[in-house]
Amino acid sequence: YWKNKYEVDFVFDGKELLPVEIKYRENPRDVKGIIEFSKNF
């Protein structure tokens, strides 16, 4: 699990890091955590 200012639900560490976010709702467009994580790593 990763958290800084925003969060990412799961970080799958296989051959490369893969952030996985769960947005089980009608409008899943809030991806600030994924963007922040992706920029940091």
All heavy atoms as atom14 arrays in JSON, in Angstrom:
{
  "sequence": "YWKNKYEVDFVFDGKELLPVEIKYRENPRDVKGIIEFSKNF",
  "atom14_mask": [
    [1, 1, 1, 1, 1, 1, 1, 1, 1, 1, 1, 1, 0, 0],
    [1, 1, 1, 1, 1, 1, 1, 1, 1, 1, 1, 1, 1, 1],
    [1, 1, 1, 1, 1, 1, 1, 1, 1, 0, 0, 0, 0, 0],
    [1, 1, 1, 1, 1, 1, 1, 1, 0, 0, 0, 0, 0, 0],
    [1, 1, 1, 1, 1, 1, 1, 1, 1, 0, 0, 0, 0, 0],
    [1, 1, 1, 1, 1, 1, 1, 1, 1, 1, 1, 1, 0, 0],
    [1, 1, 1, 1, 1, 1, 1, 1, 1, 0, 0, 0, 0, 0],
    [1, 1, 1, 1, 1, 1, 1, 0, 0, 0, 0, 0, 0, 0],
    [1, 1, 1, 1, 1, 1, 1, 1, 0, 0, 0, 0, 0, 0],
    [1, 1, 1, 1, 1, 1, 1, 1, 1, 1, 1, 0, 0, 0],
    [1, 1, 1, 1, 1, 1, 1, 0, 0, 0, 0, 0, 0, 0],
    [1, 1, 1, 1, 1, 1, 1, 1, 1, 1, 1, 0, 0, 0],
    [1, 1, 1, 1, 1, 1, 1, 1, 0, 0, 0, 0, 0, 0],
    [1, 1, 1, 1, 0, 0, 0, 0, 0, 0, 0, 0, 0, 0],
    [1, 1, 1, 1, 1, 1, 1, 1, 1, 0, 0, 0, 0, 0],
    [1, 1, 1, 1, 1, 1, 1, 1, 1, 0, 0, 0, 0, 0],
    [1, 1, 1, 1, 1, 1, 1, 1, 0, 0, 0, 0, 0, 0],
    [1, 1, 1, 1, 1, 1, 1, 1, 0, 0, 0, 0, 0, 0],
    [1, 1, 1, 1, 1, 1, 1, 0, 0, 0, 0, 0, 0, 0],
    [1, 1, 1, 1, 1, 1, 1, 0, 0, 0, 0, 0, 0, 0],
    [1, 1, 1, 1, 1, 1, 1, 1, 1, 0, 0, 0, 0, 0],
    [1, 1, 1, 1, 1, 1, 1, 1, 0, 0, 0, 0, 0, 0],
    [1, 1, 1, 1, 1, 1, 1, 1, 1, 0, 0, 0, 0, 0],
    [1, 1, 1, 1, 1, 1, 1, 1, 1, 1, 1, 1, 0, 0],
    [1, 1, 1, 1, 1, 1, 1, 1, 1, 1, 1, 0, 0, 0],
    [1, 1, 1, 1, 1, 1, 1, 1, 1, 0, 0, 0, 0, 0],
    [1, 1, 1, 1, 1, 1, 1, 1, 0, 0, 0, 0, 0, 0],
    [1, 1, 1, 1, 1, 1, 1, 0, 0, 0, 0, 0, 0, 0],
    [1, 1, 1, 1, 1, 1, 1, 1, 1, 1, 1, 0, 0, 0],
    [1, 1, 1, 1, 1, 1, 1, 1, 0, 0, 0, 0, 0, 0],
    [1, 1, 1, 1, 1, 1, 1, 0, 0, 0, 0, 0, 0, 0],
    [1, 1, 1, 1, 1, 1, 1, 1, 1, 0, 0, 0, 0, 0],
    [1, 1, 1, 1, 0, 0, 0, 0, 0, 0, 0, 0, 0, 0],
    [1, 1, 1, 1, 1, 1, 1, 1, 0, 0, 0, 0, 0, 0],
    [1, 1, 1, 1, 1, 1, 1, 1, 0, 0, 0, 0, 0, 0],
    [1, 1, 1, 1, 1, 1, 1, 1, 1, 0, 0, 0, 0, 0],
    [1, 1, 1, 1, 1, 1, 1, 1, 1, 1, 1, 0, 0, 0],
    [1, 1, 1, 1, 1, 1, 0, 0, 0, 0, 0, 0, 0, 0],
    [1, 1, 1, 1, 1, 1, 1, 1, 1, 0, 0, 0, 0, 0],
    [1, 1, 1, 1, 1, 1, 1, 1, 0, 0, 0, 0, 0, 0],
    [1, 1, 1, 1, 1, 1, 1, 1, 1, 1, 1, 0, 0, 0]
  ],
  "atom14_positions": [
    [[0.89, -1.15, 0.0], [0.0, 0.0, 0.0], [0.93, 1.21, 0.0], [1.96, 1.19, 0.66], [-0.85, -0.04, 1.26], [-1.54, 1.23, 1.63], [-2.74, 1.59, 1.04], [-1.0, 2.08, 2.59], [-3.38, 2.76, 1.38], [-1.64, 3.25, 2.94], [-2.83, 3.58, 2.33], [-3.47, 4.74, 2.66], [0.0, 0.0, 0.0], [0.0, 0.0, 0.0]],
    [[0.57, 2.25, -0.71], [1.44, 3.42, -0.76], [0.64, 4.66, -0.45], [-0.48, 4.83, -0.91], [2.07, 3.54, -2.14], [3.0, 4.69, -2.27], [4.3, 4.73, -1.89], [2.72, 5.98, -2.8], [4.84, 5.96, -2.15], [3.87, 6.75, -2.72], [1.57, 6.56, -3.34], [3.94, 8.06, -3.15], [1.62, 7.86, -3.77], [2.81, 8.6, -3.67]],
    [[1.21, 5.53, 0.4], [0.56, 6.78, 0.73], [1.59, 7.87, 0.92], [2.59, 7.7, 1.59], [-0.27, 6.65, 2.0], [-1.01, 7.92, 2.33], [-2.0, 7.75, 3.43], [-2.63, 9.1, 3.67], [-3.91, 9.06, 4.24], [0.0, 0.0, 0.0], [0.0, 0.0, 0.0], [0.0, 0.0, 0.0], [0.0, 0.0, 0.0], [0.0, 0.0, 0.0]],
    [[1.32, 9.0, 0.31], [2.08, 10.22, 0.49], [1.03, 11.29, 0.73], [0.32, 11.21, 1.71], [2.97, 10.49, -0.73], [4.1, 11.45, -0.45], [4.36, 11.77, 0.71], [4.75, 11.93, -1.46], [0.0, 0.0, 0.0], [0.0, 0.0, 0.0], [0.0, 0.0, 0.0], [0.0, 0.0, 0.0], [0.0, 0.0, 0.0], [0.0, 0.0, 0.0]],
    [[0.86, 12.21, -0.19], [-0.26, 13.15, -0.09], [-1.55, 12.43, -0.46], [-2.58, 12.61, 0.17], [-0.02, 14.34, -1.02], [-1.09, 15.39, -0.93], [-0.76, 16.6, -1.8], [-1.86, 17.64, -1.68], [-1.63, 18.76, -2.57], [0.0, 0.0, 0.0], [0.0, 0.0, 0.0], [0.0, 0.0, 0.0], [0.0, 0.0, 0.0], [0.0, 0.0, 0.0]],
    [[-1.48, 11.59, -1.51], [-2.6, 10.74, -1.93], [-2.2, 9.29, -1.7], [-1.1, 9.02, -1.24], [-2.94, 11.0, -3.4], [-3.31, 12.44, -3.67], [-2.41, 13.32, -4.27], [-4.55, 12.94, -3.3], [-2.74, 14.63, -4.51], [-4.89, 14.27, -3.53], [-3.99, 15.11, -4.14], [-4.31, 16.42, -4.37], [0.0, 0.0, 0.0], [0.0, 0.0, 0.0]],
    [[-3.06, 8.36, -2.06], [-2.76, 6.95, -1.81], [-2.98, 6.1, -3.05], [-3.69, 6.49, -3.97], [-3.61, 6.41, -0.67], [-5.08, 6.32, -1.01], [-5.9, 5.7, 0.1], [-5.61, 5.97, 1.28], [-6.84, 4.96, -0.22], [0.0, 0.0, 0.0], [0.0, 0.0, 0.0], [0.0, 0.0, 0.0], [0.0, 0.0, 0.0], [0.0, 0.0, 0.0]],
    [[-2.36, 4.94, -3.04], [-2.58, 3.89, -4.03], [-2.93, 2.64, -3.24], [-2.22, 2.26, -2.31], [-1.33, 3.67, -4.91], [-1.52, 2.46, -5.8], [-1.01, 4.9, -5.72], [0.0, 0.0, 0.0], [0.0, 0.0, 0.0], [0.0, 0.0, 0.0], [0.0, 0.0, 0.0], [0.0, 0.0, 0.0], [0.0, 0.0, 0.0], [0.0, 0.0, 0.0]],
    [[-4.04, 2.0, -3.62], [-4.52, 0.84, -2.86], [-3.53, -0.32, -2.83], [-3.28, -0.9, -1.78], [-5.86, 0.36, -3.42], [-6.98, 1.36, -3.19], [-6.94, 2.07, -2.16], [-7.89, 1.44, -4.03], [0.0, 0.0, 0.0], [0.0, 0.0, 0.0], [0.0, 0.0, 0.0], [0.0, 0.0, 0.0], [0.0, 0.0, 0.0], [0.0, 0.0, 0.0]],
    [[-2.97, -0.66, -3.99], [-2.02, -1.77, -4.06], [-0.89, -1.43, -5.02], [-1.12, -0.81, -6.05], [-2.69, -3.06, -4.57], [-3.84, -3.5, -3.73], [-5.14, -3.29, -4.15], [-3.63, -4.11, -2.51], [-6.22, -3.67, -3.38], [-4.7, -4.5, -1.72], [-6.0, -4.28, -2.16], [0.0, 0.0, 0.0], [0.0, 0.0, 0.0], [0.0, 0.0, 0.0]],
    [[0.3, -1.85, -4.67], [1.43, -1.76, -5.57], [1.91, -3.19, -5.78], [2.39, -3.84, -4.86], [2.57, -0.89, -4.99], [3.76, -0.89, -5.94], [2.08, 0.52, -4.74], [0.0, 0.0, 0.0], [0.0, 0.0, 0.0], [0.0, 0.0, 0.0], [0.0, 0.0, 0.0], [0.0, 0.0, 0.0], [0.0, 0.0, 0.0], [0.0, 0.0, 0.0]],
    [[1.71, -3.68, -7.0], [2.11, -5.04, -7.34], [3.55, -4.99, -7.81], [3.87, -4.32, -8.79], [1.2, -5.59, -8.45], [1.42, -7.03, -8.74], [0.87, -8.0, -7.93], [2.18, -7.41, -9.82], [1.07, -9.34, -8.2], [2.4, -8.75, -10.11], [1.83, -9.71, -9.28], [0.0, 0.0, 0.0], [0.0, 0.0, 0.0], [0.0, 0.0, 0.0]],
    [[4.42, -5.7, -7.1], [5.85, -5.7, -7.4], [6.19, -7.03, -8.07], [6.61, -7.97, -7.42], [6.65, -5.51, -6.11], [8.12, -5.29, -6.37], [8.52, -5.21, -7.54], [8.88, -5.19, -5.39], [0.0, 0.0, 0.0], [0.0, 0.0, 0.0], [0.0, 0.0, 0.0], [0.0, 0.0, 0.0], [0.0, 0.0, 0.0], [0.0, 0.0, 0.0]],
    [[5.97, -7.08, -9.37], [6.31, -8.27, -10.15], [7.6, -8.0, -10.89], [8.61, -7.68, -10.29], [0.0, 0.0, 0.0], [0.0, 0.0, 0.0], [0.0, 0.0, 0.0], [0.0, 0.0, 0.0], [0.0, 0.0, 0.0], [0.0, 0.0, 0.0], [0.0, 0.0, 0.0], [0.0, 0.0, 0.0], [0.0, 0.0, 0.0], [0.0, 0.0, 0.0]],
    [[7.55, -8.04, -12.2], [8.73, -7.71, -13.0], [9.0, -6.21, -12.95], [10.13, -5.78, -13.11], [8.52, -8.17, -14.44], [8.44, -9.67, -14.56], [8.18, -10.11, -15.96], [8.04, -11.62, -15.99], [7.66, -12.12, -17.28], [0.0, 0.0, 0.0], [0.0, 0.0, 0.0], [0.0, 0.0, 0.0], [0.0, 0.0, 0.0], [0.0, 0.0, 0.0]],
    [[7.96, -5.43, -12.77], [8.08, -3.98, -12.57], [6.96, -3.55, -11.63], [6.01, -4.29, -11.41], [7.99, -3.24, -13.9], [6.7, -3.47, -14.67], [6.72, -2.82, -16.02], [7.65, -3.06, -16.78], [5.77, -2.07, -16.3], [0.0, 0.0, 0.0], [0.0, 0.0, 0.0], [0.0, 0.0, 0.0], [0.0, 0.0, 0.0], [0.0, 0.0, 0.0]],
    [[7.09, -2.37, -11.04], [6.05, -1.87, -10.15], [4.8, -1.53, -10.94], [4.88, -0.91, -12.01], [6.52, -0.62, -9.41], [7.64, -0.81, -8.39], [8.0, 0.55, -7.79], [7.23, -1.77, -7.31], [0.0, 0.0, 0.0], [0.0, 0.0, 0.0], [0.0, 0.0, 0.0], [0.0, 0.0, 0.0], [0.0, 0.0, 0.0], [0.0, 0.0, 0.0]],
    [[3.64, -1.92, -10.42], [2.36, -1.64, -11.07], [1.38, -1.15, -10.02], [0.94, -1.91, -9.17], [1.81, -2.89, -11.75], [0.46, -2.74, -12.43], [0.58, -1.8, -13.63], [-0.08, -4.08, -12.85], [0.0, 0.0, 0.0], [0.0, 0.0, 0.0], [0.0, 0.0, 0.0], [0.0, 0.0, 0.0], [0.0, 0.0, 0.0], [0.0, 0.0, 0.0]],
    [[1.03, 0.14, -10.04], [0.03, 0.65, -9.11], [-1.36, 0.21, -9.53], [-1.72, 0.28, -10.71], [0.19, 2.17, -9.18], [0.81, 2.44, -10.5], [1.6, 1.22, -10.86], [0.0, 0.0, 0.0], [0.0, 0.0, 0.0], [0.0, 0.0, 0.0], [0.0, 0.0, 0.0], [0.0, 0.0, 0.0], [0.0, 0.0, 0.0], [0.0, 0.0, 0.0]],
    [[-2.14, -0.27, -8.56], [-3.52, -0.72, -8.8], [-4.42, 0.02, -7.83], [-4.25, -0.07, -6.61], [-3.65, -2.25, -8.6], [-5.08, -2.69, -8.82], [-2.69, -3.01, -9.51], [0.0, 0.0, 0.0], [0.0, 0.0, 0.0], [0.0, 0.0, 0.0], [0.0, 0.0, 0.0], [0.0, 0.0, 0.0], [0.0, 0.0, 0.0], [0.0, 0.0, 0.0]],
    [[-5.38, 0.73, -8.36], [-6.32, 1.52, -7.55], [-7.73, 0.96, -7.76], [-8.11, 0.61, -8.88], [-6.25, 2.99, -7.99], [-7.09, 3.92, -7.2], [-6.58, 4.15, -5.78], [-5.38, 3.94, -5.52], [-7.39, 4.54, -4.94], [0.0, 0.0, 0.0], [0.0, 0.0, 0.0], [0.0, 0.0, 0.0], [0.0, 0.0, 0.0], [0.0, 0.0, 0.0]],
    [[-8.5, 0.88, -6.68], [-9.88, 0.4, -6.75], [-10.8, 1.61, -6.69], [-10.77, 2.36, -5.71], [-10.22, -0.55, -5.58], [-9.14, -1.58, -5.33], [-11.59, -1.19, -5.8], [-8.74, -2.42, -6.47], [0.0, 0.0, 0.0], [0.0, 0.0, 0.0], [0.0, 0.0, 0.0], [0.0, 0.0, 0.0], [0.0, 0.0, 0.0], [0.0, 0.0, 0.0]],
    [[-11.61, 1.79, -7.73], [-12.59, 2.87, -7.79], [-13.91, 2.27, -8.24], [-14.38, 2.47, -9.35], [-12.15, 3.96, -8.8], [-10.85, 4.63, -8.46], [-11.02, 5.54, -7.29], [-9.74, 6.32, -7.06], [-9.77, 7.08, -5.85], [0.0, 0.0, 0.0], [0.0, 0.0, 0.0], [0.0, 0.0, 0.0], [0.0, 0.0, 0.0], [0.0, 0.0, 0.0]],
    [[-14.53, 1.5, -7.37], [-15.77, 0.78, -7.71], [-16.96, 1.7, -7.47], [-17.65, 1.62, -6.46], [-15.87, -0.49, -6.87], [-16.88, -1.47, -7.4], [-16.56, -2.27, -8.49], [-18.13, -1.59, -6.83], [-17.48, -3.17, -8.99], [-19.05, -2.49, -7.33], [-18.72, -3.27, -8.41], [-19.64, -4.17, -8.92], [0.0, 0.0, 0.0], [0.0, 0.0, 0.0]],
    [[-17.15, 2.61, -8.43], [-18.26, 3.57, -8.36], [-18.56, 4.07, -9.77], [-17.89, 3.71, -10.72], [-17.93, 4.7, -7.42], [-16.69, 5.47, -7.78], [-16.47, 6.62, -6.79], [-15.2, 7.24, -7.02], [-14.22, 7.28, -6.14], [-14.36, 6.73, -4.97], [-13.09, 7.89, -6.43], [0.0, 0.0, 0.0], [0.0, 0.0, 0.0], [0.0, 0.0, 0.0]],
    [[-19.55, 4.92, -9.88], [-19.99, 5.4, -11.19], [-18.95, 6.28, -11.88], [-18.81, 6.24, -13.09], [-21.31, 6.18, -11.05], [-22.47, 5.33, -10.57], [-22.78, 4.15, -11.49], [-22.71, 4.32, -12.72], [-23.09, 3.07, -10.96], [0.0, 0.0, 0.0], [0.0, 0.0, 0.0], [0.0, 0.0, 0.0], [0.0, 0.0, 0.0], [0.0, 0.0, 0.0]],
    [[-18.24, 7.12, -11.15], [-17.27, 8.03, -11.76], [-15.87, 7.75, -11.18], [-15.48, 8.35, -10.18], [-17.67, 9.49, -11.52], [-16.78, 10.45, -12.26], [-15.97, 10.06, -13.1], [-16.9, 11.72, -11.95], [0.0, 0.0, 0.0], [0.0, 0.0, 0.0], [0.0, 0.0, 0.0], [0.0, 0.0, 0.0], [0.0, 0.0, 0.0], [0.0, 0.0, 0.0]],
    [[-15.1, 6.87, -11.82], [-13.79, 6.48, -11.28], [-12.63, 7.33, -11.78], [-11.53, 6.85, -11.92], [-13.66, 5.05, -11.78], [-14.34, 5.08, -13.1], [-15.48, 6.05, -12.95], [0.0, 0.0, 0.0], [0.0, 0.0, 0.0], [0.0, 0.0, 0.0], [0.0, 0.0, 0.0], [0.0, 0.0, 0.0], [0.0, 0.0, 0.0], [0.0, 0.0, 0.0]],
    [[-12.84, 8.59, -12.03], [-11.81, 9.43, -12.68], [-10.8, 10.06, -11.73], [-9.84, 10.65, -12.18], [-12.48, 10.54, -13.49], [-13.41, 10.03, -14.56], [-12.62, 9.44, -15.67], [-13.54, 9.03, -16.73], [-13.19, 8.39, -17.79], [-11.93, 8.07, -17.97], [-14.05, 8.03, -18.7], [0.0, 0.0, 0.0], [0.0, 0.0, 0.0], [0.0, 0.0, 0.0]],
    [[-11.0, 9.96, -10.43], [-10.06, 10.55, -9.48], [-8.85, 9.63, -9.33], [-8.89, 8.63, -8.62], [-10.75, 10.76, -8.13], [-9.81, 11.32, -7.09], [-8.81, 11.96, -7.47], [-10.07, 11.12, -5.88], [0.0, 0.0, 0.0], [0.0, 0.0, 0.0], [0.0, 0.0, 0.0], [0.0, 0.0, 0.0], [0.0, 0.0, 0.0], [0.0, 0.0, 0.0]],
    [[-7.77, 9.97, -10.02], [-6.58, 9.12, -10.04], [-5.35, 9.89, -9.56], [-4.24, 9.63, -10.01], [-6.35, 8.51, -11.44], [-7.41, 7.5, -11.78], [-6.28, 9.6, -12.49], [0.0, 0.0, 0.0], [0.0, 0.0, 0.0], [0.0, 0.0, 0.0], [0.0, 0.0, 0.0], [0.0, 0.0, 0.0], [0.0, 0.0, 0.0], [0.0, 0.0, 0.0]],
    [[-5.54, 10.8, -8.64], [-4.42, 11.62, -8.14], [-3.33, 10.77, -7.5], [-2.15, 11.06, -7.64], [-4.95, 12.64, -7.13], [-5.86, 13.67, -7.75], [-6.44, 14.57, -6.67], [-7.51, 15.47, -7.27], [-8.31, 16.11, -6.24], [0.0, 0.0, 0.0], [0.0, 0.0, 0.0], [0.0, 0.0, 0.0], [0.0, 0.0, 0.0], [0.0, 0.0, 0.0]],
    [[-3.72, 9.72, -6.79], [-2.73, 8.85, -6.14], [-1.86, 8.14, -7.15], [-0.64, 8.02, -6.98], [0.0, 0.0, 0.0], [0.0, 0.0, 0.0], [0.0, 0.0, 0.0], [0.0, 0.0, 0.0], [0.0, 0.0, 0.0], [0.0, 0.0, 0.0], [0.0, 0.0, 0.0], [0.0, 0.0, 0.0], [0.0, 0.0, 0.0], [0.0, 0.0, 0.0]],
    [[-2.47, 7.65, -8.21], [-1.72, 6.96, -9.27], [-0.74, 7.92, -9.94], [0.41, 7.56, -10.19], [-2.7, 6.36, -10.31], [-3.47, 5.24, -9.65], [-2.01, 5.99, -11.59], [-3.56, 3.96, -10.36], [0.0, 0.0, 0.0], [0.0, 0.0, 0.0], [0.0, 0.0, 0.0], [0.0, 0.0, 0.0], [0.0, 0.0, 0.0], [0.0, 0.0, 0.0]],
    [[-1.2, 9.13, -10.21], [-0.33, 10.12, -10.86], [0.85, 10.46, -9.95], [2.0, 10.48, -10.39], [-1.11, 11.4, -11.22], [-2.27, 11.09, -12.17], [-0.2, 12.46, -11.79], [-1.88, 10.52, -13.5], [0.0, 0.0, 0.0], [0.0, 0.0, 0.0], [0.0, 0.0, 0.0], [0.0, 0.0, 0.0], [0.0, 0.0, 0.0], [0.0, 0.0, 0.0]],
    [[0.57, 10.7, -8.67], [1.64, 11.04, -7.72], [2.64, 9.89, -7.59], [3.86, 10.1, -7.63], [1.04, 11.38, -6.35], [2.07, 11.79, -5.34], [1.48, 12.05, -3.96], [0.41, 11.48, -3.64], [2.1, 12.8, -3.21], [0.0, 0.0, 0.0], [0.0, 0.0, 0.0], [0.0, 0.0, 0.0], [0.0, 0.0, 0.0], [0.0, 0.0, 0.0]],
    [[2.15, 8.67, -7.42], [3.02, 7.5, -7.31], [3.88, 7.35, -8.56], [5.08, 7.12, -8.49], [2.19, 6.23, -7.09], [3.0, 4.98, -7.04], [3.57, 4.56, -5.85], [3.2, 4.22, -8.18], [4.33, 3.41, -5.79], [3.96, 3.06, -8.14], [4.53, 2.65, -6.95], [0.0, 0.0, 0.0], [0.0, 0.0, 0.0], [0.0, 0.0, 0.0]],
    [[3.24, 7.46, -9.72], [3.94, 7.28, -10.99], [5.04, 8.3, -11.18], [6.12, 7.97, -11.68], [2.94, 7.35, -12.14], [2.0, 6.29, -12.03], [0.0, 0.0, 0.0], [0.0, 0.0, 0.0], [0.0, 0.0, 0.0], [0.0, 0.0, 0.0], [0.0, 0.0, 0.0], [0.0, 0.0, 0.0], [0.0, 0.0, 0.0], [0.0, 0.0, 0.0]],
    [[4.81, 9.53, -10.79], [5.84, 10.56, -10.9], [7.0, 10.29, -9.93], [8.16, 10.47, -10.27], [5.24, 11.94, -10.67], [4.4, 12.38, -11.84], [3.92, 13.78, -11.66], [3.11, 14.16, -12.89], [3.04, 15.54, -13.15], [0.0, 0.0, 0.0], [0.0, 0.0, 0.0], [0.0, 0.0, 0.0], [0.0, 0.0, 0.0], [0.0, 0.0, 0.0]],
    [[6.68, 9.85, -8.72], [7.73, 9.57, -7.72], [8.61, 8.4, -8.11], [9.79, 8.36, -7.75], [7.11, 9.31, -6.35], [6.64, 10.57, -5.67], [7.03, 11.67, -6.04], [5.78, 10.44, -4.68], [0.0, 0.0, 0.0], [0.0, 0.0, 0.0], [0.0, 0.0, 0.0], [0.0, 0.0, 0.0], [0.0, 0.0, 0.0], [0.0, 0.0, 0.0]],
    [[8.06, 7.41, -8.8], [8.81, 6.18, -9.11], [9.02, 5.97, -10.6], [9.4, 4.87, -11.01], [8.1, 4.97, -8.5], [8.07, 5.01, -7.0], [6.96, 5.47, -6.33], [9.17, 4.61, -6.26], [6.92, 5.52, -4.95], [9.15, 4.66, -4.88], [8.03, 5.12, -4.22], [0.0, 0.0, 0.0], [0.0, 0.0, 0.0], [0.0, 0.0, 0.0]]
  ]
}
